Amino acid sequence: MVKVKFSTSDGKFVGVECEGHCEYADAGEDVVCAALSSVIQTAVLGLMKVLGIAVGYETEEKRGYLKAVLPKSMSKSDEHDADVILRTAYFGVSDLYETFSDFISLEVE
């Protein structure tokens, strides 16, 4: 199971952390894992490449770990845009969770 946790501060999304493997199918054929990974990784790329935010980012492929945290100090415009990207990712993961809750856990704190 993949555990996905979105972090918030003052009502805005400020980070995401994922750990584990979906185990919906064999490695390389797991469409749930591929979909989940695509949603999260695209959001992180949007934060870094489109917005140019210096995201605190770490991964560990073997255990299926990814953590991305926004910096504490950003412009109001970047805060807004980053929230939109992470909130969109949350809705994407939430949609997957509705169908595949045996393979994904979802939390917002």
N, C-alpha and C. Protein backbone atom coordinates (compact mmCIF):
# COMPACT_ATOMS: atom_id res chain seq x y z
N MET A 1 0.84 -1.18 0.00
CA MET A 1 0.00 0.00 0.00
C MET A 1 0.89 1.24 0.00
N VAL A 2 0.46 2.25 -0.75
CA VAL A 2 1.15 3.53 -0.74
C VAL A 2 0.42 4.46 0.21
N LYS A 3 1.18 5.06 1.11
CA LYS A 3 0.64 6.05 2.03
C LYS A 3 0.97 7.42 1.47
N VAL A 4 -0.08 8.21 1.23
CA VAL A 4 0.09 9.56 0.69
C VAL A 4 -0.41 10.55 1.74
N LYS A 5 0.46 11.51 2.06
CA LYS A 5 0.09 12.52 3.05
C LYS A 5 0.38 13.91 2.48
N PHE A 6 -0.66 14.71 2.39
CA PHE A 6 -0.51 16.10 1.98
C PHE A 6 -0.47 16.94 3.25
N SER A 7 0.44 17.92 3.27
CA SER A 7 0.57 18.83 4.41
C SER A 7 -0.03 20.17 4.06
N THR A 8 -0.66 20.79 5.06
CA THR A 8 -1.23 22.12 4.87
C THR A 8 -0.75 23.06 5.97
N SER A 9 -0.85 24.33 5.68
CA SER A 9 -0.55 25.37 6.66
C SER A 9 -1.43 26.57 6.32
N ASP A 10 -2.16 27.04 7.29
CA ASP A 10 -3.08 28.18 7.10
C ASP A 10 -4.03 27.94 5.93
N GLY A 11 -4.48 26.69 5.79
CA GLY A 11 -5.46 26.37 4.76
C GLY A 11 -4.89 26.15 3.37
N LYS A 12 -3.57 26.25 3.23
CA LYS A 12 -2.93 26.06 1.93
C LYS A 12 -2.08 24.80 1.94
N PHE A 13 -2.05 24.12 0.81
CA PHE A 13 -1.20 22.94 0.66
C PHE A 13 0.25 23.37 0.58
N VAL A 14 1.11 22.70 1.37
CA VAL A 14 2.53 23.09 1.42
C VAL A 14 3.49 21.92 1.19
N GLY A 15 2.97 20.71 1.01
CA GLY A 15 3.87 19.59 0.77
C GLY A 15 3.12 18.29 0.57
N VAL A 16 3.86 17.30 0.11
CA VAL A 16 3.31 15.96 -0.09
C VAL A 16 4.39 14.94 0.22
N GLU A 17 3.97 13.83 0.80
CA GLU A 17 4.88 12.74 1.13
C GLU A 17 4.20 11.42 0.77
N CYS A 18 4.92 10.57 0.06
CA CYS A 18 4.39 9.26 -0.34
C CYS A 18 5.41 8.20 0.07
N GLU A 19 4.88 7.04 0.49
CA GLU A 19 5.78 5.94 0.84
C GLU A 19 5.08 4.62 0.60
N GLY A 20 5.81 3.70 -0.02
CA GLY A 20 5.31 2.35 -0.23
C GLY A 20 5.07 2.04 -1.70
N HIS A 21 4.52 0.86 -1.91
CA HIS A 21 4.20 0.38 -3.26
C HIS A 21 2.75 -0.07 -3.27
N CYS A 22 2.06 0.20 -4.36
CA CYS A 22 0.62 -0.12 -4.45
C CYS A 22 0.37 -1.62 -4.39
N GLU A 23 1.19 -2.39 -5.09
CA GLU A 23 1.03 -3.85 -5.16
C GLU A 23 -0.31 -4.25 -5.76
N TYR A 24 -0.82 -3.42 -6.66
CA TYR A 24 -2.03 -3.74 -7.42
C TYR A 24 -1.72 -4.83 -8.45
N ALA A 25 -0.50 -4.78 -9.00
CA ALA A 25 -0.04 -5.76 -9.99
C ALA A 25 1.47 -5.89 -9.86
N ASP A 26 2.06 -6.76 -10.64
CA ASP A 26 3.51 -6.95 -10.62
C ASP A 26 4.22 -5.65 -11.02
N ALA A 27 5.43 -5.50 -10.54
CA ALA A 27 6.24 -4.33 -10.88
C ALA A 27 6.33 -4.21 -12.40
N GLY A 28 6.18 -3.00 -12.89
CA GLY A 28 6.20 -2.76 -14.33
C GLY A 28 4.83 -2.89 -14.98
N GLU A 29 3.87 -3.45 -14.27
CA GLU A 29 2.52 -3.62 -14.80
C GLU A 29 1.47 -3.00 -13.87
N ASP A 30 1.92 -2.32 -12.84
CA ASP A 30 1.02 -1.77 -11.84
C ASP A 30 0.48 -0.41 -12.29
N VAL A 31 -0.70 -0.43 -12.90
CA VAL A 31 -1.28 0.81 -13.43
C VAL A 31 -1.70 1.78 -12.33
N VAL A 32 -2.06 1.28 -11.17
CA VAL A 32 -2.42 2.15 -10.05
C VAL A 32 -1.19 2.92 -9.59
N CYS A 33 -0.10 2.22 -9.43
CA CYS A 33 1.15 2.86 -9.02
C CYS A 33 1.60 3.88 -10.07
N ALA A 34 1.49 3.50 -11.34
CA ALA A 34 1.89 4.41 -12.42
C ALA A 34 1.04 5.67 -12.41
N ALA A 35 -0.26 5.52 -12.24
CA ALA A 35 -1.15 6.69 -12.21
C ALA A 35 -0.84 7.58 -11.02
N LEU A 36 -0.69 6.98 -9.86
CA LEU A 36 -0.39 7.75 -8.64
C LEU A 36 0.94 8.47 -8.78
N SER A 37 1.95 7.78 -9.24
CA SER A 37 3.28 8.38 -9.43
C SER A 37 3.23 9.53 -10.41
N SER A 38 2.48 9.37 -11.48
CA SER A 38 2.38 10.43 -12.49
C SER A 38 1.75 11.69 -11.92
N VAL A 39 0.70 11.53 -11.14
CA VAL A 39 0.03 12.69 -10.54
C VAL A 39 1.00 13.44 -9.63
N ILE A 40 1.65 12.71 -8.74
CA ILE A 40 2.55 13.34 -7.76
C ILE A 40 3.77 13.94 -8.43
N GLN A 41 4.40 13.18 -9.30
CA GLN A 41 5.63 13.67 -9.94
C GLN A 41 5.36 14.86 -10.85
N THR A 42 4.22 14.88 -11.53
CA THR A 42 3.88 16.02 -12.37
C THR A 42 3.66 17.26 -11.52
N ALA A 43 3.03 17.11 -10.37
CA ALA A 43 2.84 18.25 -9.47
C ALA A 43 4.19 18.80 -9.00
N VAL A 44 5.08 17.91 -8.61
CA VAL A 44 6.40 18.36 -8.14
C VAL A 44 7.17 19.04 -9.28
N LEU A 45 7.09 18.49 -10.47
CA LEU A 45 7.74 19.13 -11.63
C LEU A 45 7.14 20.50 -11.89
N GLY A 46 5.84 20.64 -11.75
CA GLY A 46 5.20 21.94 -11.92
C GLY A 46 5.72 22.96 -10.93
N LEU A 47 5.86 22.53 -9.69
CA LEU A 47 6.39 23.42 -8.66
C LEU A 47 7.81 23.86 -8.99
N MET A 48 8.65 22.91 -9.40
CA MET A 48 10.06 23.20 -9.62
C MET A 48 10.32 23.86 -10.98
N LYS A 49 9.75 23.30 -12.04
CA LYS A 49 10.09 23.73 -13.40
C LYS A 49 9.22 24.87 -13.93
N VAL A 50 7.94 24.85 -13.59
CA VAL A 50 7.05 25.90 -14.07
C VAL A 50 7.12 27.13 -13.16
N LEU A 51 6.98 26.90 -11.86
CA LEU A 51 7.00 28.02 -10.92
C LEU A 51 8.41 28.42 -10.50
N GLY A 52 9.37 27.52 -10.65
CA GLY A 52 10.75 27.82 -10.28
C GLY A 52 10.98 27.87 -8.77
N ILE A 53 10.17 27.14 -8.03
CA ILE A 53 10.29 27.12 -6.57
C ILE A 53 11.36 26.11 -6.16
N ALA A 54 12.20 26.49 -5.22
CA ALA A 54 13.23 25.60 -4.68
C ALA A 54 12.59 24.67 -3.66
N VAL A 55 11.96 23.63 -4.16
CA VAL A 55 11.24 22.67 -3.33
C VAL A 55 12.25 21.79 -2.57
N GLY A 56 12.00 21.57 -1.28
CA GLY A 56 12.77 20.58 -0.54
C GLY A 56 12.30 19.22 -1.02
N TYR A 57 13.19 18.46 -1.63
CA TYR A 57 12.78 17.26 -2.36
C TYR A 57 13.70 16.09 -2.04
N GLU A 58 13.11 14.97 -1.70
CA GLU A 58 13.92 13.77 -1.49
C GLU A 58 13.15 12.53 -1.96
N THR A 59 13.90 11.56 -2.44
CA THR A 59 13.30 10.31 -2.91
C THR A 59 14.18 9.14 -2.50
N GLU A 60 13.55 7.99 -2.42
CA GLU A 60 14.27 6.73 -2.24
C GLU A 60 13.47 5.67 -3.01
N GLU A 61 13.97 5.34 -4.19
CA GLU A 61 13.23 4.49 -5.12
C GLU A 61 12.88 3.13 -4.54
N LYS A 62 13.81 2.50 -3.86
CA LYS A 62 13.59 1.13 -3.38
C LYS A 62 12.36 1.01 -2.48
N ARG A 63 12.18 1.96 -1.57
CA ARG A 63 11.01 1.89 -0.67
C ARG A 63 9.83 2.72 -1.18
N GLY A 64 9.96 3.26 -2.39
CA GLY A 64 8.87 4.04 -2.95
C GLY A 64 8.59 5.31 -2.18
N TYR A 65 9.65 6.05 -1.86
CA TYR A 65 9.50 7.23 -1.01
C TYR A 65 9.74 8.49 -1.82
N LEU A 66 8.87 9.47 -1.62
CA LEU A 66 9.02 10.80 -2.19
C LEU A 66 8.48 11.81 -1.18
N LYS A 67 9.24 12.86 -0.99
CA LYS A 67 8.78 13.95 -0.12
C LYS A 67 9.13 15.26 -0.80
N ALA A 68 8.15 16.14 -0.89
CA ALA A 68 8.36 17.46 -1.46
C ALA A 68 7.71 18.48 -0.53
N VAL A 69 8.49 19.46 -0.10
CA VAL A 69 8.01 20.47 0.84
C VAL A 69 8.36 21.86 0.30
N LEU A 70 7.38 22.74 0.32
CA LEU A 70 7.61 24.11 -0.12
C LEU A 70 8.49 24.85 0.89
N PRO A 71 9.28 25.81 0.43
CA PRO A 71 10.06 26.62 1.36
C PRO A 71 9.14 27.48 2.22
N LYS A 72 9.60 27.86 3.38
CA LYS A 72 8.79 28.65 4.31
C LYS A 72 8.50 30.05 3.76
N SER A 73 9.46 30.61 3.04
CA SER A 73 9.32 31.98 2.56
C SER A 73 9.15 31.98 1.04
N MET A 74 7.98 32.43 0.59
CA MET A 74 7.69 32.56 -0.84
C MET A 74 6.85 33.81 -1.04
N SER A 75 6.81 34.29 -2.26
CA SER A 75 5.94 35.42 -2.56
C SER A 75 4.49 34.95 -2.45
N LYS A 76 3.58 35.88 -2.25
CA LYS A 76 2.14 35.55 -2.17
C LYS A 76 1.68 34.88 -3.48
N SER A 77 2.20 35.35 -4.59
CA SER A 77 1.84 34.78 -5.88
C SER A 77 2.29 33.32 -5.99
N ASP A 78 3.54 33.04 -5.58
CA ASP A 78 4.04 31.66 -5.60
C ASP A 78 3.28 30.77 -4.61
N GLU A 79 2.94 31.33 -3.43
CA GLU A 79 2.14 30.57 -2.46
C GLU A 79 0.82 30.14 -3.08
N HIS A 80 0.17 31.08 -3.75
CA HIS A 80 -1.11 30.79 -4.39
C HIS A 80 -0.96 29.73 -5.47
N ASP A 81 0.01 29.94 -6.37
CA ASP A 81 0.19 29.02 -7.50
C ASP A 81 0.61 27.62 -7.02
N ALA A 82 1.46 27.56 -6.01
CA ALA A 82 1.87 26.27 -5.46
C ALA A 82 0.69 25.55 -4.82
N ASP A 83 -0.15 26.30 -4.12
CA ASP A 83 -1.36 25.72 -3.53
C ASP A 83 -2.26 25.14 -4.62
N VAL A 84 -2.42 25.86 -5.72
CA VAL A 84 -3.26 25.37 -6.82
C VAL A 84 -2.70 24.05 -7.36
N ILE A 85 -1.40 23.99 -7.56
CA ILE A 85 -0.78 22.76 -8.09
C ILE A 85 -0.95 21.61 -7.11
N LEU A 86 -0.62 21.82 -5.84
CA LEU A 86 -0.71 20.73 -4.86
C LEU A 86 -2.16 20.34 -4.59
N ARG A 87 -3.07 21.30 -4.60
CA ARG A 87 -4.49 21.01 -4.40
C ARG A 87 -5.02 20.17 -5.57
N THR A 88 -4.58 20.48 -6.77
CA THR A 88 -4.96 19.70 -7.94
C THR A 88 -4.43 18.27 -7.82
N ALA A 89 -3.19 18.13 -7.39
CA ALA A 89 -2.63 16.79 -7.17
C ALA A 89 -3.43 16.04 -6.12
N TYR A 90 -3.82 16.74 -5.06
CA TYR A 90 -4.65 16.11 -4.03
C TYR A 90 -5.94 15.56 -4.63
N PHE A 91 -6.61 16.35 -5.45
CA PHE A 91 -7.85 15.88 -6.07
C PHE A 91 -7.60 14.69 -6.99
N GLY A 92 -6.47 14.69 -7.69
CA GLY A 92 -6.12 13.54 -8.54
C GLY A 92 -5.91 12.29 -7.72
N VAL A 93 -5.17 12.41 -6.62
CA VAL A 93 -4.93 11.26 -5.74
C VAL A 93 -6.24 10.83 -5.08
N SER A 94 -7.04 11.80 -4.67
CA SER A 94 -8.32 11.50 -4.04
C SER A 94 -9.22 10.70 -4.97
N ASP A 95 -9.21 11.04 -6.24
CA ASP A 95 -9.99 10.30 -7.23
C ASP A 95 -9.50 8.86 -7.35
N LEU A 96 -8.19 8.66 -7.38
CA LEU A 96 -7.64 7.30 -7.40
C LEU A 96 -7.99 6.55 -6.13
N TYR A 97 -7.91 7.24 -4.99
CA TYR A 97 -8.21 6.63 -3.71
C TYR A 97 -9.65 6.10 -3.65
N GLU A 98 -10.59 6.84 -4.24
CA GLU A 98 -11.99 6.41 -4.23
C GLU A 98 -12.16 5.02 -4.84
N THR A 99 -11.41 4.72 -5.87
CA THR A 99 -11.53 3.45 -6.57
C THR A 99 -10.56 2.40 -6.03
N PHE A 100 -9.40 2.83 -5.55
CA PHE A 100 -8.34 1.88 -5.19
C PHE A 100 -7.90 2.03 -3.73
N SER A 101 -8.84 2.20 -2.82
CA SER A 101 -8.50 2.42 -1.41
C SER A 101 -7.84 1.20 -0.76
N ASP A 102 -7.91 0.04 -1.38
CA ASP A 102 -7.19 -1.13 -0.86
C ASP A 102 -5.70 -1.01 -1.11
N PHE A 103 -5.30 -0.07 -1.98
CA PHE A 103 -3.90 0.05 -2.39
C PHE A 103 -3.29 1.40 -2.07
N ILE A 104 -4.13 2.37 -1.69
CA ILE A 104 -3.68 3.74 -1.41
C ILE A 104 -4.33 4.21 -0.12
N SER A 105 -3.53 4.81 0.76
CA SER A 105 -4.13 5.52 1.90
C SER A 105 -3.86 6.99 1.68
N LEU A 106 -4.80 7.83 2.10
CA LEU A 106 -4.71 9.27 1.83
C LEU A 106 -5.01 10.03 3.11
N GLU A 107 -4.14 11.00 3.40
CA GLU A 107 -4.29 11.81 4.60
C GLU A 107 -3.94 13.26 4.30
N VAL A 108 -4.62 14.17 4.93
CA VAL A 108 -4.29 15.59 4.85
C VAL A 108 -4.11 16.07 6.28
N GLU A 109 -2.99 16.71 6.53
CA GLU A 109 -2.75 17.25 7.88
C GLU A 109 -2.37 18.68 7.84
